Amino acid sequence: MAQTSLFFTDRINLTYELPMTPEEFTVSSDGGNTKVDVVNLGEILRLSPATSLQEVTLTLNIPVDLSRRRAYWTGKKLRWTGKTGGNNYVKLLKDWHINKEVLRVVLTNTPFNDLYVIDGFTSGFKDGNIDEWVCELKLVAWRSYKPKVLATKEVADKVRIRTTTARTNPAGKIGVGSSVILNGRVYADSYGNGGGMTFTNRQMVVTLVAPGRAMPYNVGPAAGQYTGWVRAQDIRLR
């Protein structure tokens, strides 16, 4: 049987290969149908026009020490190595979970290739073994959608109905939606992992905020678009 490897690709197209493929990989979904009692007929199944979101549960074993390759590892191109390289993988998974990242998940040599969000995440050590992280993930399929914008409508009594608008940030304070100028490098996550491109006087919009992190602001070319995480001192308000 061909060897399989597990890959995650983030929103800025950085791909991470996990050191070890999970021993079990369970994919589940249901039809979203409902049972209904009908008089003089009994119970029937009312069919749903669409299936429920697909869910995946898996357990990842991640060695803390990635300095010396082991025969049972499936990963060929690890992003982090060294005595504590495995800790970076755990931090990355946790960050994706907290920030609700939309990820492409691929299991090679299988048909499994789709977009998911990490909806549940736990990590720790088991059976007294502190040399290997055990991370349990619940992945839920991502469906792209666009909210419907309600047009402003004037009623007979001249009262104007307005859609709810987002609260603006206080003057001089950077927050989600702020227009900024970027002079610096972008990173794959708010911890400063995965250094990317460096920009000079680039107009950006703040899309996410992670207070207290090394890279507290995520910026992109427009609202809802992502380029990467940056240091606070590398951006200023336009």
C-alpha atoms as a PDB file:
ATOM      1  CA  MET A   1       0.000   0.000   0.000  1.00  0.00           C
ATOM      2  CA  ALA A   2       1.312   3.470  -0.904  1.00  0.00           C
ATOM      3  CA  GLN A   3       2.408   5.640   1.989  1.00  0.00           C
ATOM      4  CA  THR A   4       0.062   8.493   2.912  1.00  0.00           C
ATOM      5  CA  SER A   5       0.983  11.877   4.340  1.00  0.00           C
ATOM      6  CA  LEU A   6      -1.205  14.578   5.908  1.00  0.00           C
ATOM      7  CA  PHE A   7      -0.917  18.184   4.705  1.00  0.00           C
ATOM      8  CA  PHE A   8      -2.545  21.448   5.852  1.00  0.00           C
ATOM      9  CA  THR A   9      -2.459  24.572   3.634  1.00  0.00           C
ATOM     10  CA  ASP A  10      -3.388  27.950   5.149  1.00  0.00           C
ATOM     11  CA  ARG A  11      -4.971  31.091   3.668  1.00  0.00           C
ATOM     12  CA  ILE A  12      -1.636  32.514   2.415  1.00  0.00           C
ATOM     13  CA  ASN A  13      -0.836  29.239   0.631  1.00  0.00           C
ATOM     14  CA  LEU A  14       1.788  27.973   3.095  1.00  0.00           C
ATOM     15  CA  THR A  15       1.709  24.171   3.279  1.00  0.00           C
ATOM     16  CA  TYR A  16       2.648  22.161   6.367  1.00  0.00           C
ATOM     17  CA  GLU A  17       3.298  18.415   6.311  1.00  0.00           C
ATOM     18  CA  LEU A  18       2.614  16.675   9.629  1.00  0.00           C
ATOM     19  CA  PRO A  19       5.403  14.431  11.003  1.00  0.00           C
ATOM     20  CA  MET A  20       3.119  11.406  11.409  1.00  0.00           C
ATOM     21  CA  THR A  21      -0.071  10.374   9.601  1.00  0.00           C
ATOM     22  CA  PRO A  22      -2.869   9.520  12.082  1.00  0.00           C
ATOM     23  CA  GLU A  23      -3.550   5.811  12.627  1.00  0.00           C
ATOM     24  CA  GLU A  24      -7.308   6.443  12.289  1.00  0.00           C
ATOM     25  CA  PHE A  25      -9.074   8.951  10.044  1.00  0.00           C
ATOM     26  CA  THR A  26     -12.876   9.056  10.339  1.00  0.00           C
ATOM     27  CA  VAL A  27     -15.102  11.080   7.994  1.00  0.00           C
ATOM     28  CA  SER A  28     -18.810  11.398   8.808  1.00  0.00           C
ATOM     29  CA  SER A  29     -21.895  13.254   7.600  1.00  0.00           C
ATOM     30  CA  ASP A  30     -25.622  12.666   7.556  1.00  0.00           C
ATOM     31  CA  GLY A  31     -28.365  13.502   5.113  1.00  0.00           C
ATOM     32  CA  GLY A  32     -29.933  16.181   7.312  1.00  0.00           C
ATOM     33  CA  ASN A  33     -33.282  14.404   6.971  1.00  0.00           C
ATOM     34  CA  THR A  34     -36.018  14.514   9.628  1.00  0.00           C
ATOM     35  CA  LYS A  35     -38.582  11.947  10.781  1.00  0.00           C
ATOM     36  CA  VAL A  36     -42.211  13.077  10.816  1.00  0.00           C
ATOM     37  CA  ASP A  37     -45.400  11.338  12.035  1.00  0.00           C
ATOM     38  CA  VAL A  38     -48.246  11.486   9.515  1.00  0.00           C
ATOM     39  CA  VAL A  39     -51.843  10.711  10.494  1.00  0.00           C
ATOM     40  CA  ASN A  40     -53.077   7.352   9.125  1.00  0.00           C
ATOM     41  CA  LEU A  41     -49.646   6.671   7.672  1.00  0.00           C
ATOM     42  CA  GLY A  42     -47.149   6.634  10.501  1.00  0.00           C
ATOM     43  CA  GLU A  43     -43.550   7.763  10.546  1.00  0.00           C
ATOM     44  CA  ILE A  44     -41.997   9.021   7.316  1.00  0.00           C
ATOM     45  CA  LEU A  45     -38.599  10.430   6.431  1.00  0.00           C
ATOM     46  CA  ARG A  46     -38.699  14.018   5.161  1.00  0.00           C
ATOM     47  CA  LEU A  47     -35.732  14.435   2.835  1.00  0.00           C
ATOM     48  CA  SER A  48     -33.488  17.472   3.222  1.00  0.00           C
ATOM     49  CA  PRO A  49     -32.439  19.407   0.084  1.00  0.00           C
ATOM     50  CA  ALA A  50     -28.799  19.320   1.266  1.00  0.00           C
ATOM     51  CA  THR A  51     -26.602  17.110   3.425  1.00  0.00           C
ATOM     52  CA  SER A  52     -25.120  18.255   6.725  1.00  0.00           C
ATOM     53  CA  LEU A  53     -21.540  19.510   6.930  1.00  0.00           C
ATOM     54  CA  GLN A  54     -18.944  16.773   6.738  1.00  0.00           C
ATOM     55  CA  GLU A  55     -16.962  16.196   9.947  1.00  0.00           C
ATOM     56  CA  VAL A  56     -13.570  14.546  10.469  1.00  0.00           C
ATOM     57  CA  THR A  57     -12.147  13.320  13.769  1.00  0.00           C
ATOM     58  CA  LEU A  58      -8.497  12.375  14.060  1.00  0.00           C
ATOM     59  CA  THR A  59      -5.718  12.018  16.598  1.00  0.00           C
ATOM     60  CA  LEU A  60      -2.262  13.368  15.750  1.00  0.00           C
ATOM     61  CA  ASN A  61       0.876  12.110  17.484  1.00  0.00           C
ATOM     62  CA  ILE A  62       3.634  14.712  17.233  1.00  0.00           C
ATOM     63  CA  PRO A  63       7.100  13.918  18.650  1.00  0.00           C
ATOM     64  CA  VAL A  64       8.577  16.814  20.640  1.00  0.00           C
ATOM     65  CA  ASP A  65      12.114  16.019  19.439  1.00  0.00           C
ATOM     66  CA  LEU A  66      12.333  16.281  15.647  1.00  0.00           C
ATOM     67  CA  SER A  67      16.128  16.501  15.522  1.00  0.00           C
ATOM     68  CA  ARG A  68      16.702  12.928  14.375  1.00  0.00           C
ATOM     69  CA  ARG A  69      14.465  11.202  11.843  1.00  0.00           C
ATOM     70  CA  ARG A  70      12.626   8.034  12.878  1.00  0.00           C
ATOM     71  CA  ALA A  71      11.644   5.208  10.525  1.00  0.00           C
ATOM     72  CA  TYR A  72       7.943   5.449  11.452  1.00  0.00           C
ATOM     73  CA  TRP A  73       7.602   9.127  10.491  1.00  0.00           C
ATOM     74  CA  THR A  74       5.600   9.765   7.315  1.00  0.00           C
ATOM     75  CA  GLY A  75       6.550  13.439   6.877  1.00  0.00           C
ATOM     76  CA  LYS A  76       9.284  14.043   4.307  1.00  0.00           C
ATOM     77  CA  LYS A  77       9.618  17.851   4.401  1.00  0.00           C
ATOM     78  CA  LEU A  78       9.138  19.055   7.975  1.00  0.00           C
ATOM     79  CA  ARG A  79       8.937  22.808   8.466  1.00  0.00           C
ATOM     80  CA  TRP A  80      10.423  22.605  11.974  1.00  0.00           C
ATOM     81  CA  THR A  81      13.174  20.334  13.291  1.00  0.00           C
ATOM     82  CA  GLY A  82      15.322  20.317  16.428  1.00  0.00           C
ATOM     83  CA  LYS A  83      14.910  19.148  20.006  1.00  0.00           C
ATOM     84  CA  THR A  84      11.625  21.056  20.487  1.00  0.00           C
ATOM     85  CA  GLY A  85      10.461  21.227  16.857  1.00  0.00           C
ATOM     86  CA  GLY A  86       7.220  19.401  17.659  1.00  0.00           C
ATOM     87  CA  ASN A  87       6.096  22.217  19.965  1.00  0.00           C
ATOM     88  CA  ASN A  88       5.852  24.552  16.951  1.00  0.00           C
ATOM     89  CA  TYR A  89       3.401  22.205  15.207  1.00  0.00           C
ATOM     90  CA  VAL A  90       1.177  22.143  18.298  1.00  0.00           C
ATOM     91  CA  LYS A  91       1.267  25.960  18.569  1.00  0.00           C
ATOM     92  CA  LEU A  92       0.359  26.245  14.889  1.00  0.00           C
ATOM     93  CA  LEU A  93      -2.654  23.923  15.215  1.00  0.00           C
ATOM     94  CA  LYS A  94      -3.827  25.819  18.305  1.00  0.00           C
ATOM     95  CA  ASP A  95      -3.465  29.158  16.523  1.00  0.00           C
ATOM     96  CA  TRP A  96      -5.474  27.903  13.531  1.00  0.00           C
ATOM     97  CA  HIS A  97      -8.197  26.760  15.932  1.00  0.00           C
ATOM     98  CA  ILE A  98      -8.336  30.062  17.847  1.00  0.00           C
ATOM     99  CA  ASN A  99      -8.341  32.203  14.696  1.00  0.00           C
ATOM    100  CA  LYS A 100     -10.866  29.977  12.881  1.00  0.00           C
ATOM    101  CA  GLU A 101      -8.600  29.497   9.873  1.00  0.00           C
ATOM    102  CA  VAL A 102     -10.057  27.963   6.723  1.00  0.00           C
ATOM    103  CA  LEU A 103      -7.580  25.224   5.762  1.00  0.00           C
ATOM    104  CA  ARG A 104      -7.166  22.862   2.841  1.00  0.00           C
ATOM    105  CA  VAL A 105      -6.597  19.369   4.256  1.00  0.00           C
ATOM    106  CA  VAL A 106      -5.060  16.711   2.003  1.00  0.00           C
ATOM    107  CA  LEU A 107      -4.377  13.042   2.713  1.00  0.00           C
ATOM    108  CA  THR A 108      -2.102  11.882  -0.107  1.00  0.00           C
ATOM    109  CA  ASN A 109      -2.900   8.766  -2.141  1.00  0.00           C
ATOM    110  CA  THR A 110      -6.586   9.130  -1.177  1.00  0.00           C
ATOM    111  CA  PRO A 111      -9.496  11.198  -2.594  1.00  0.00           C
ATOM    112  CA  PHE A 112      -9.525  13.296   0.612  1.00  0.00           C
ATOM    113  CA  ASN A 113      -8.889  16.938  -0.368  1.00  0.00           C
ATOM    114  CA  ASP A 114     -11.199  19.714   0.847  1.00  0.00           C
ATOM    115  CA  LEU A 115     -11.574  22.881   2.947  1.00  0.00           C
ATOM    116  CA  TYR A 116     -12.065  22.556   6.707  1.00  0.00           C
ATOM    117  CA  VAL A 117     -12.056  24.555   9.942  1.00  0.00           C
ATOM    118  CA  ILE A 118     -10.630  23.137  13.190  1.00  0.00           C
ATOM    119  CA  ASP A 119     -13.826  23.209  15.267  1.00  0.00           C
ATOM    120  CA  GLY A 120     -12.409  21.285  18.240  1.00  0.00           C
ATOM    121  CA  PHE A 121      -8.831  20.964  19.521  1.00  0.00           C
ATOM    122  CA  THR A 122      -7.182  19.356  22.556  1.00  0.00           C
ATOM    123  CA  SER A 123      -3.507  18.642  23.185  1.00  0.00           C
ATOM    124  CA  GLY A 124      -1.422  17.033  25.908  1.00  0.00           C
ATOM    125  CA  PHE A 125       0.612  13.993  26.924  1.00  0.00           C
ATOM    126  CA  LYS A 126      -0.693  10.485  27.649  1.00  0.00           C
ATOM    127  CA  ASP A 127       0.445   7.505  29.717  1.00  0.00           C
ATOM    128  CA  GLY A 128       3.302   9.498  31.257  1.00  0.00           C
ATOM    129  CA  ASN A 129       5.007   9.959  27.872  1.00  0.00           C
ATOM    130  CA  ILE A 130       6.207  13.575  27.723  1.00  0.00           C
ATOM    131  CA  ASP A 131       8.218  12.957  24.542  1.00  0.00           C
ATOM    132  CA  GLU A 132       5.172  12.969  22.263  1.00  0.00           C
ATOM    133  CA  TRP A 133       2.227  15.356  21.948  1.00  0.00           C
ATOM    134  CA  VAL A 134      -1.223  13.828  21.461  1.00  0.00           C
ATOM    135  CA  CYS A 135      -3.537  16.271  19.638  1.00  0.00           C
ATOM    136  CA  GLU A 136      -7.197  15.472  19.019  1.00  0.00           C
ATOM    137  CA  LEU A 137      -8.861  17.466  16.217  1.00  0.00           C
ATOM    138  CA  LYS A 138     -12.431  17.844  15.049  1.00  0.00           C
ATOM    139  CA  LEU A 139     -12.579  19.238  11.511  1.00  0.00           C
ATOM    140  CA  VAL A 140     -15.805  20.627  10.052  1.00  0.00           C
ATOM    141  CA  ALA A 141     -16.190  21.222   6.310  1.00  0.00           C
ATOM    142  CA  TRP A 142     -16.224  24.858   5.122  1.00  0.00           C
ATOM    143  CA  ARG A 143     -18.863  26.065   2.674  1.00  0.00           C
ATOM    144  CA  SER A 144     -18.229  29.406   1.040  1.00  0.00           C
ATOM    145  CA  TYR A 145     -21.116  31.830   1.297  1.00  0.00           C
ATOM    146  CA  LYS A 146     -21.935  35.510   0.914  1.00  0.00           C
ATOM    147  CA  PRO A 147     -24.332  37.330   3.258  1.00  0.00           C
ATOM    148  CA  LYS A 148     -27.341  38.966   1.635  1.00  0.00           C
ATOM    149  CA  VAL A 149     -27.189  42.768   1.933  1.00  0.00           C
ATOM    150  CA  LEU A 150     -30.587  44.349   2.581  1.00  0.00           C
ATOM    151  CA  ALA A 151     -31.205  47.540   0.635  1.00  0.00           C
ATOM    152  CA  THR A 152     -32.339  50.692   2.443  1.00  0.00           C
ATOM    153  CA  LYS A 153     -36.106  51.089   2.049  1.00  0.00           C
ATOM    154  CA  GLU A 154     -38.223  54.171   2.691  1.00  0.00           C
ATOM    155  CA  VAL A 155     -41.648  53.424   4.191  1.00  0.00           C
ATOM    156  CA  ALA A 156     -44.823  55.510   4.076  1.00  0.00           C
ATOM    157  CA  ASP A 157     -44.178  57.439   7.299  1.00  0.00           C
ATOM    158  CA  LYS A 158     -40.739  58.522   6.027  1.00  0.00           C
ATOM    159  CA  VAL A 159     -38.956  56.327   8.580  1.00  0.00           C
ATOM    160  CA  ARG A 160     -35.841  54.877   6.951  1.00  0.00           C
ATOM    161  CA  ILE A 161     -34.957  51.238   7.678  1.00  0.00           C
ATOM    162  CA  ARG A 162     -31.202  50.705   7.817  1.00  0.00           C
ATOM    163  CA  THR A 163     -29.060  47.613   7.967  1.00  0.00           C
ATOM    164  CA  THR A 164     -26.840  47.261  11.042  1.00  0.00           C
ATOM    165  CA  THR A 165     -23.355  48.714  10.557  1.00  0.00           C
ATOM    166  CA  ALA A 166     -20.211  47.625  12.345  1.00  0.00           C
ATOM    167  CA  ARG A 167     -19.052  49.750  15.296  1.00  0.00           C
ATOM    168  CA  THR A 168     -16.150  51.982  14.280  1.00  0.00           C
ATOM    169  CA  ASN A 169     -12.879  52.038  16.187  1.00  0.00           C
ATOM    170  CA  PRO A 170     -12.010  55.070  18.347  1.00  0.00           C
ATOM    171  CA  ALA A 171      -9.996  57.764  16.554  1.00  0.00           C
ATOM    172  CA  GLY A 172      -6.281  56.951  16.490  1.00  0.00           C
ATOM    173  CA  LYS A 173      -6.741  53.311  17.560  1.00  0.00           C
ATOM    174  CA  ILE A 174      -5.976  50.371  15.252  1.00  0.00           C
ATOM    175  CA  GLY A 175      -8.574  47.609  15.135  1.00  0.00           C
ATOM    176  CA  VAL A 176     -10.429  45.319  12.744  1.00  0.00           C
ATOM    177  CA  GLY A 177     -11.325  47.320   9.636  1.00  0.00           C
ATOM    178  CA  SER A 178      -8.649  49.999  10.132  1.00  0.00           C
ATOM    179  CA  SER A 179      -6.874  51.217   6.991  1.00  0.00           C
ATOM    180  CA  VAL A 180      -3.108  51.104   7.607  1.00  0.00           C
ATOM    181  CA  ILE A 181       0.264  51.484   5.903  1.00  0.00           C
ATOM    182  CA  LEU A 182       2.549  48.440   6.209  1.00  0.00           C
ATOM    183  CA  ASN A 183       6.348  48.666   6.294  1.00  0.00           C
ATOM    184  CA  GLY A 184       7.611  45.259   7.309  1.00  0.00           C
ATOM    185  CA  ARG A 185       7.408  41.499   6.941  1.00  0.00           C
ATOM    186  CA  VAL A 186       4.305  39.284   7.156  1.00  0.00           C
ATOM    187  CA  TYR A 187       4.196  35.948   9.028  1.00  0.00           C
ATOM    188  CA  ALA A 188       2.105  32.780   8.812  1.00  0.00           C
ATOM    189  CA  ASP A 189       0.720  33.062  12.354  1.00  0.00           C
ATOM    190  CA  SER A 190       0.515  35.482  15.272  1.00  0.00           C
ATOM    191  CA  TYR A 191       3.418  33.753  17.066  1.00  0.00           C
ATOM    192  CA  GLY A 192       5.861  34.827  14.333  1.00  0.00           C
ATOM    193  CA  ASN A 193       6.216  31.453  12.600  1.00  0.00           C
ATOM    194  CA  GLY A 194       6.606  31.145   8.825  1.00  0.00           C
ATOM    195  CA  GLY A 195       8.145  34.432   7.682  1.00  0.00           C
ATOM    196  CA  GLY A 196       6.837  35.657   4.327  1.00  0.00           C
ATOM    197  CA  MET A 197       7.154  38.710   2.059  1.00  0.00           C
ATOM    198  CA  THR A 198       8.345  42.162   3.172  1.00  0.00           C
ATOM    199  CA  PHE A 199       6.259  45.194   2.108  1.00  0.00           C
ATOM    200  CA  THR A 200       7.112  48.897   1.863  1.00  0.00           C
ATOM    201  CA  ASN A 201       4.426  51.598   2.139  1.00  0.00           C
ATOM    202  CA  ARG A 202       1.737  49.057   1.210  1.00  0.00           C
ATOM    203  CA  GLN A 203      -1.891  50.061   1.885  1.00  0.00           C
ATOM    204  CA  MET A 204      -3.647  47.336   3.882  1.00  0.00           C
ATOM    205  CA  VAL A 205      -6.742  46.692   6.004  1.00  0.00           C
ATOM    206  CA  VAL A 206      -6.635  45.054   9.460  1.00  0.00           C
ATOM    207  CA  THR A 207      -8.684  41.824   9.276  1.00  0.00           C
ATOM    208  CA  LEU A 208      -7.928  40.095  12.613  1.00  0.00           C
ATOM    209  CA  VAL A 209      -6.472  41.144  15.987  1.00  0.00           C
ATOM    210  CA  ALA A 210      -4.685  38.863  18.501  1.00  0.00           C
ATOM    211  CA  PRO A 211      -3.803  41.047  21.547  1.00  0.00           C
ATOM    212  CA  GLY A 212      -0.658  40.072  23.422  1.00  0.00           C
ATOM    213  CA  ARG A 213       0.867  38.055  20.577  1.00  0.00           C
ATOM    214  CA  ALA A 214       4.236  38.800  18.961  1.00  0.00           C
ATOM    215  CA  MET A 215       2.413  39.589  15.689  1.00  0.00           C
ATOM    216  CA  PRO A 216      -0.915  41.024  16.936  1.00  0.00           C
ATOM    217  CA  TYR A 217      -2.424  42.204  13.630  1.00  0.00           C
ATOM    218  CA  ASN A 218      -3.459  40.287  10.512  1.00  0.00           C
ATOM    219  CA  VAL A 219      -3.645  42.488   7.420  1.00  0.00           C
ATOM    220  CA  GLY A 220      -4.881  42.066   3.862  1.00  0.00           C
ATOM    221  CA  PRO A 221      -5.485  44.114   0.725  1.00  0.00           C
ATOM    222  CA  ALA A 222      -9.203  44.461   1.579  1.00  0.00           C
ATOM    223  CA  ALA A 223     -11.724  43.592   4.290  1.00  0.00           C
ATOM    224  CA  GLY A 224     -12.106  39.824   4.564  1.00  0.00           C
ATOM    225  CA  GLN A 225      -8.884  39.134   2.634  1.00  0.00           C
ATOM    226  CA  TYR A 226      -5.755  37.842   4.369  1.00  0.00           C
ATOM    227  CA  THR A 227      -2.054  38.383   3.657  1.00  0.00           C
ATOM    228  CA  GLY A 228      -0.335  37.652   6.998  1.00  0.00           C
ATOM    229  CA  TRP A 229       0.405  38.642  10.607  1.00  0.00           C
ATOM    230  CA  VAL A 230       2.588  41.691  11.366  1.00  0.00           C
ATOM    231  CA  ARG A 231       4.239  43.472  14.278  1.00  0.00           C
ATOM    232  CA  ALA A 232       2.448  46.455  15.830  1.00  0.00           C
ATOM    233  CA  GLN A 233       5.371  48.804  15.051  1.00  0.00           C
ATOM    234  CA  ASP A 234       5.262  47.860  11.353  1.00  0.00           C
ATOM    235  CA  ILE A 235       1.856  49.446  10.666  1.00  0.00           C
ATOM    236  CA  ARG A 236       0.366  52.888  11.085  1.00  0.00           C
ATOM    237  CA  LEU A 237      -3.029  54.402  10.403  1.00  0.00           C
ATOM    238  CA  ARG A 238      -3.623  55.951   7.019  1.00  0.00           C
END
